[in-house]
Amino acid sequence: MTDPVVLVADANADRAEWLARQGRHPEAEVLARAALVEAPPDSLLAGRLTNLLGGIALELGALDEAERRFETAMAWARARGEARLLARAATNLASVVHLRGKDSLAASLYASALTVFQGLEDPVGVARSCHNLGVLAREAGRWHEASSWGERALTAAIESSDAELEGQVRAGLAAVALGLGRLPAAREELRRAGQLAAHTGDRIGAAEVARLLGEFELRSGYPGAGLAAAREAWRAAHRLGCMQVAAEAAELASRCCEALYHGRQARRFRALAVSRFSAMGAVPALRRLVATGG
């Protein structure tokens, strides 16, 4: 018979994961920490909670803690032959090292996770891995490669019937379309991504869609509308404690203000972006800001 304490810990882990998906990270963290104390150290639940706490730390911009948690979860999973957890933790660790500018290591981790997920016939894992490899390609300016990864991610996301994931993947495809100058395609993907975020209650996804809408408006020649969307994204991400989206929204707001010749506001938003990226230790983003006058 399962220990009632463990049953409670397992239920709390489910609740913490749900809270994290809703963007309620401080609440999720408290619950997950408490559940980890009660979880048997050698149980899959303990490994799962360690990975979850790493994910929460990542969203809150605490990269050092996130990295420690993911490495611990990977070591735990590797020692026990838990391939799925190992691949999930590796994917999460890749996101940390990517933010720190270690793109070769990130690509290797994402690719290794993709191989595992394909072997497990896990469409959610495949979709996330392809999406993340697309992000790496996109940020390196390899637009057609990014588009290919995005399409693969979308196929897997649709197969998984995970509407929230599909919305996130469509937002990524919108970003690729913006980079390629395909504004109508970008607008359509953002429309669908926004609908999916609203339908699933994905508040972080909605904030990212708002940020990308701001980018769309700026590139369409409407910096005022772009600024309004960037501010919406900033407010939503700030409320949720989602450091990366908040920083990127502030950076976008700064560029919109520059296009509007609002120099003081541009400097204020740029300072916000710098402070958030600095707190995260996101070196490549800081370098980009410096290169553009930050």
Protein backbone atom coordinates (compact mmCIF):
# COMPACT_ATOMS: atom_id res chain seq x y z
CA MET A 1 0.00 0.00 0.00
CA THR A 2 1.34 3.43 -0.94
CA ASP A 3 2.28 5.71 1.94
CA PRO A 4 -0.42 8.43 2.29
CA VAL A 5 2.34 11.03 2.64
CA VAL A 6 3.70 10.03 -0.76
CA LEU A 7 0.22 10.18 -2.28
CA VAL A 8 -0.14 13.74 -1.00
CA ALA A 9 3.30 14.63 -2.36
CA ASP A 10 2.35 13.21 -5.75
CA ALA A 11 -0.90 15.20 -5.79
CA ASN A 12 1.01 18.34 -4.80
CA ALA A 13 3.46 17.73 -7.64
CA ASP A 14 0.55 17.62 -10.10
CA ARG A 15 -0.83 20.82 -8.61
CA ALA A 16 2.58 22.53 -8.76
CA GLU A 17 2.97 21.63 -12.43
CA TRP A 18 -0.47 23.07 -13.16
CA LEU A 19 0.37 26.28 -11.30
CA ALA A 20 3.64 26.60 -13.22
CA ARG A 21 1.78 26.24 -16.54
CA GLN A 22 -0.52 29.04 -15.41
CA GLY A 23 2.47 31.29 -14.76
CA ARG A 24 1.93 31.18 -10.98
CA HIS A 25 5.56 30.36 -10.31
CA PRO A 26 5.99 31.49 -6.67
CA GLU A 27 3.01 29.35 -5.61
CA ALA A 28 4.25 26.44 -7.69
CA GLU A 29 7.71 26.71 -6.15
CA VAL A 30 6.41 26.60 -2.57
CA LEU A 31 4.27 23.55 -3.30
CA ALA A 32 7.00 21.73 -5.25
CA ARG A 33 9.60 22.31 -2.53
CA ALA A 34 7.23 20.94 0.09
CA ALA A 35 6.42 17.90 -2.07
CA LEU A 36 10.12 17.20 -2.64
CA VAL A 37 10.71 17.04 1.12
CA GLU A 38 8.03 14.33 1.37
CA ALA A 39 8.99 12.40 -1.77
CA PRO A 40 11.13 9.25 -1.26
CA PRO A 41 14.67 10.25 -2.37
CA ASP A 42 14.98 7.30 -4.75
CA SER A 43 11.56 7.76 -6.37
CA LEU A 44 10.70 9.00 -9.84
CA LEU A 45 8.63 11.65 -8.07
CA ALA A 46 11.79 13.13 -6.55
CA GLY A 47 13.45 13.35 -9.96
CA ARG A 48 10.34 14.85 -11.49
CA LEU A 49 10.07 17.51 -8.76
CA THR A 50 13.75 18.40 -9.08
CA ASN A 51 13.26 18.99 -12.80
CA LEU A 52 10.10 21.01 -12.12
CA LEU A 53 11.88 23.24 -9.61
CA GLY A 54 14.56 23.83 -12.22
CA GLY A 55 11.90 24.89 -14.71
CA ILE A 56 10.37 27.30 -12.22
CA ALA A 57 13.79 28.79 -11.46
CA LEU A 58 14.40 29.21 -15.20
CA GLU A 59 11.16 31.15 -15.68
CA LEU A 60 12.01 33.36 -12.70
CA GLY A 61 15.44 34.11 -14.18
CA ALA A 62 17.45 32.22 -11.52
CA LEU A 63 19.74 30.48 -14.00
CA ASP A 64 22.29 29.21 -11.48
CA GLU A 65 19.63 27.39 -9.47
CA ALA A 66 17.96 26.14 -12.65
CA GLU A 67 21.23 24.70 -13.92
CA ARG A 68 21.91 22.93 -10.61
CA ARG A 69 18.42 21.44 -10.53
CA PHE A 70 18.55 20.20 -14.12
CA GLU A 71 22.00 18.66 -13.69
CA THR A 72 20.80 16.89 -10.54
CA ALA A 73 17.69 15.61 -12.33
CA MET A 74 19.80 14.38 -15.25
CA ALA A 75 22.21 12.54 -12.95
CA TRP A 76 19.28 11.00 -11.08
CA ALA A 77 17.57 9.88 -14.30
CA ARG A 78 20.78 8.56 -15.88
CA ALA A 79 21.59 6.43 -12.82
CA ARG A 80 18.11 4.88 -12.86
CA GLY A 81 17.64 4.48 -16.59
CA GLU A 82 14.73 6.95 -16.75
CA ALA A 83 15.13 7.99 -20.38
CA ARG A 84 12.12 10.30 -20.60
CA LEU A 85 13.05 12.31 -17.52
CA LEU A 86 16.67 12.44 -18.69
CA ALA A 87 15.58 13.89 -22.05
CA ARG A 88 13.26 16.42 -20.41
CA ALA A 89 15.93 17.61 -18.01
CA ALA A 90 18.48 17.78 -20.84
CA THR A 91 16.07 19.92 -22.86
CA ASN A 92 15.64 22.27 -19.92
CA LEU A 93 19.38 22.46 -19.27
CA ALA A 94 19.87 23.30 -22.95
CA SER A 95 17.61 26.34 -22.50
CA VAL A 96 19.84 27.57 -19.68
CA VAL A 97 23.11 27.17 -21.56
CA HIS A 98 21.52 28.77 -24.63
CA LEU A 99 20.67 31.88 -22.60
CA ARG A 100 24.30 31.95 -21.52
CA GLY A 101 25.52 31.87 -25.10
CA LYS A 102 26.70 28.25 -25.24
CA ASP A 103 24.79 27.43 -28.38
CA SER A 104 26.87 24.43 -29.47
CA LEU A 105 26.24 22.70 -26.15
CA ALA A 106 22.57 23.67 -26.28
CA ALA A 107 22.20 22.24 -29.79
CA SER A 108 23.87 18.99 -28.70
CA LEU A 109 21.55 18.63 -25.71
CA TYR A 110 18.44 19.41 -27.77
CA ALA A 111 19.48 16.94 -30.49
CA SER A 112 20.19 14.19 -27.95
CA ALA A 113 16.80 14.76 -26.33
CA LEU A 114 15.11 14.66 -29.74
CA THR A 115 16.64 11.24 -30.45
CA VAL A 116 15.32 9.91 -27.13
CA PHE A 117 11.84 11.35 -27.65
CA GLN A 118 11.68 9.90 -31.15
CA GLY A 119 12.61 6.49 -29.75
CA LEU A 120 9.89 6.81 -27.10
CA GLU A 121 7.37 7.95 -29.74
CA ASP A 122 6.69 11.00 -27.59
CA PRO A 123 5.23 13.72 -29.86
CA VAL A 124 5.27 16.35 -27.10
CA GLY A 125 8.99 15.83 -26.54
CA VAL A 126 9.64 15.79 -30.29
CA ALA A 127 7.70 19.02 -30.76
CA ARG A 128 9.54 20.81 -27.95
CA SER A 129 12.94 19.62 -29.18
CA CYS A 130 12.29 20.66 -32.78
CA HIS A 131 10.88 24.00 -31.60
CA ASN A 132 13.98 24.68 -29.51
CA LEU A 133 16.35 23.71 -32.31
CA GLY A 134 14.37 26.14 -34.45
CA VAL A 135 14.92 28.90 -31.90
CA LEU A 136 18.68 28.31 -32.05
CA ALA A 137 18.63 28.46 -35.85
CA ARG A 138 16.42 31.56 -35.83
CA GLU A 139 18.64 33.48 -33.44
CA ALA A 140 21.66 32.58 -35.57
CA GLY A 141 19.90 34.00 -38.63
CA ARG A 142 19.49 30.59 -40.29
CA TRP A 143 15.93 31.35 -41.25
CA HIS A 144 15.15 28.51 -43.62
CA GLU A 145 16.56 25.95 -41.20
CA ALA A 146 14.49 27.55 -38.46
CA SER A 147 11.39 27.28 -40.66
CA SER A 148 12.06 23.59 -41.27
CA TRP A 149 12.42 22.86 -37.55
CA GLY A 150 9.28 24.87 -36.86
CA GLU A 151 7.23 22.88 -39.35
CA ARG A 152 8.48 19.62 -37.84
CA ALA A 153 7.57 20.94 -34.39
CA LEU A 154 4.09 21.89 -35.58
CA THR A 155 3.44 18.44 -37.06
CA ALA A 156 4.41 16.79 -33.77
CA ALA A 157 2.45 19.29 -31.67
CA ILE A 158 -0.71 18.67 -33.69
CA GLU A 159 -0.15 14.91 -33.37
CA SER A 160 0.11 15.30 -29.58
CA SER A 161 -3.26 17.15 -29.39
CA ASP A 162 -1.57 19.57 -26.94
CA ALA A 163 -3.21 22.88 -27.87
CA GLU A 164 -1.00 24.93 -25.54
CA LEU A 165 2.13 23.49 -27.14
CA GLU A 166 0.72 24.07 -30.62
CA GLY A 167 0.20 27.73 -29.73
CA GLN A 168 3.80 28.07 -28.58
CA VAL A 169 5.07 26.44 -31.75
CA ARG A 170 2.91 28.72 -33.91
CA ALA A 171 4.36 31.73 -32.10
CA GLY A 172 7.80 30.44 -33.03
CA LEU A 173 6.74 30.10 -36.65
CA ALA A 174 5.47 33.68 -36.53
CA ALA A 175 8.88 34.84 -35.35
CA VAL A 176 10.50 33.02 -38.29
CA ALA A 177 8.02 34.60 -40.72
CA LEU A 178 8.88 38.03 -39.31
CA GLY A 179 12.57 37.34 -39.83
CA LEU A 180 11.91 36.35 -43.43
CA GLY A 181 9.79 39.45 -44.01
CA ARG A 182 6.63 37.42 -44.56
CA LEU A 183 4.33 39.71 -42.64
CA PRO A 184 0.95 38.24 -43.70
CA ALA A 185 2.12 34.75 -42.70
CA ALA A 186 3.40 36.09 -39.40
CA ARG A 187 0.09 37.82 -38.69
CA GLU A 188 -1.88 34.64 -39.36
CA GLU A 189 0.33 32.51 -37.12
CA LEU A 190 0.05 35.11 -34.35
CA ARG A 191 -3.73 35.12 -34.70
CA ARG A 192 -3.86 31.36 -34.27
CA ALA A 193 -1.26 31.35 -31.49
CA GLY A 194 -3.23 34.01 -29.62
CA GLN A 195 -6.45 32.01 -29.92
CA LEU A 196 -4.75 28.88 -28.60
CA ALA A 197 -3.14 30.74 -25.69
CA ALA A 198 -6.52 32.21 -24.73
CA HIS A 199 -8.28 28.86 -25.08
CA THR A 200 -5.76 26.99 -22.93
CA GLY A 201 -5.17 29.76 -20.38
CA ASP A 202 -1.48 29.98 -21.30
CA ARG A 203 -0.68 33.40 -19.85
CA ILE A 204 3.03 33.21 -20.59
CA GLY A 205 2.23 32.22 -24.17
CA ALA A 206 -0.20 35.15 -24.42
CA ALA A 207 2.51 37.54 -23.23
CA GLU A 208 4.89 36.20 -25.87
CA VAL A 209 2.22 36.58 -28.56
CA ALA A 210 1.71 40.20 -27.46
CA ARG A 211 5.46 40.81 -27.75
CA LEU A 212 5.57 39.31 -31.23
CA LEU A 213 2.55 41.37 -32.25
CA GLY A 214 4.53 44.42 -31.18
CA GLU A 215 7.40 43.28 -33.39
CA PHE A 216 4.95 42.77 -36.24
CA GLU A 217 3.55 46.30 -35.84
CA LEU A 218 7.01 47.85 -35.68
CA ARG A 219 8.13 46.04 -38.82
CA SER A 220 4.87 47.02 -40.52
CA GLY A 221 5.69 50.69 -39.91
CA TYR A 222 3.45 51.29 -36.89
CA PRO A 223 5.77 51.87 -33.92
CA GLY A 224 2.96 53.36 -31.83
CA ALA A 225 0.93 50.15 -32.06
CA GLY A 226 4.13 48.21 -31.51
CA LEU A 227 4.82 50.13 -28.32
CA ALA A 228 1.31 49.45 -27.02
CA ALA A 229 1.72 45.71 -27.62
CA ALA A 230 5.22 45.71 -26.09
CA ARG A 231 3.89 47.43 -22.98
CA GLU A 232 1.10 44.85 -22.73
CA ALA A 233 3.65 42.04 -22.99
CA TRP A 234 5.90 43.73 -20.41
CA ARG A 235 3.07 44.14 -17.90
CA ALA A 236 1.88 40.56 -18.31
CA ALA A 237 5.37 39.05 -18.07
CA HIS A 238 6.26 41.26 -15.10
CA ARG A 239 3.11 40.15 -13.24
CA LEU A 240 3.93 36.52 -13.93
CA GLY A 241 7.58 36.91 -12.93
CA CYS A 242 8.65 35.66 -16.37
CA MET A 243 12.02 37.36 -16.59
CA GLN A 244 12.98 36.52 -20.17
CA VAL A 245 9.73 37.65 -21.83
CA ALA A 246 9.74 40.81 -19.69
CA ALA A 247 13.28 41.65 -20.74
CA GLU A 248 12.56 41.02 -24.42
CA ALA A 249 9.38 43.10 -24.24
CA ALA A 250 11.31 45.99 -22.67
CA GLU A 251 13.93 45.77 -25.41
CA LEU A 252 11.20 45.89 -28.06
CA ALA A 253 9.52 48.85 -26.33
CA SER A 254 12.85 50.67 -26.43
CA ARG A 255 13.14 50.17 -30.19
CA CYS A 256 9.56 51.35 -30.71
CA CYS A 257 10.26 54.49 -28.68
CA GLU A 258 13.37 55.16 -30.74
CA ALA A 259 11.27 54.91 -33.92
CA LEU A 260 8.86 57.43 -32.36
CA TYR A 261 11.77 59.74 -31.35
CA HIS A 262 10.88 59.30 -27.67
CA GLY A 263 14.45 59.25 -26.46
CA ARG A 264 13.84 59.39 -22.72
CA GLN A 265 11.32 56.54 -22.82
CA ALA A 266 13.62 54.52 -25.05
CA ARG A 267 16.44 54.84 -22.52
CA ARG A 268 14.12 53.87 -19.66
CA PHE A 269 12.92 50.71 -21.40
CA ARG A 270 16.47 49.83 -22.44
CA ALA A 271 17.58 50.14 -18.82
CA LEU A 272 14.77 47.79 -17.80
CA ALA A 273 15.90 45.26 -20.40
CA VAL A 274 19.51 45.52 -19.27
CA SER A 275 18.57 45.03 -15.62
CA ARG A 276 16.50 41.92 -16.38
CA PHE A 277 19.06 40.35 -18.69
CA SER A 278 21.83 41.15 -16.17
CA ALA A 279 19.88 39.53 -13.34
CA MET A 280 19.49 36.41 -15.46
CA GLY A 281 23.11 36.30 -16.58
CA ALA A 282 21.96 36.31 -20.22
CA VAL A 283 25.29 37.43 -21.69
CA PRO A 284 24.41 37.27 -25.43
CA ALA A 285 21.35 39.48 -24.93
CA LEU A 286 23.42 42.00 -22.99
CA ARG A 287 26.04 42.05 -25.73
CA ARG A 288 23.32 42.68 -28.30
CA LEU A 289 22.02 45.63 -26.30
CA VAL A 290 25.50 47.07 -25.93
CA ALA A 291 26.12 46.69 -29.65
CA THR A 292 22.97 48.68 -30.38
CA GLY A 293 23.75 51.46 -27.96
CA GLY A 294 22.53 50.04 -24.63
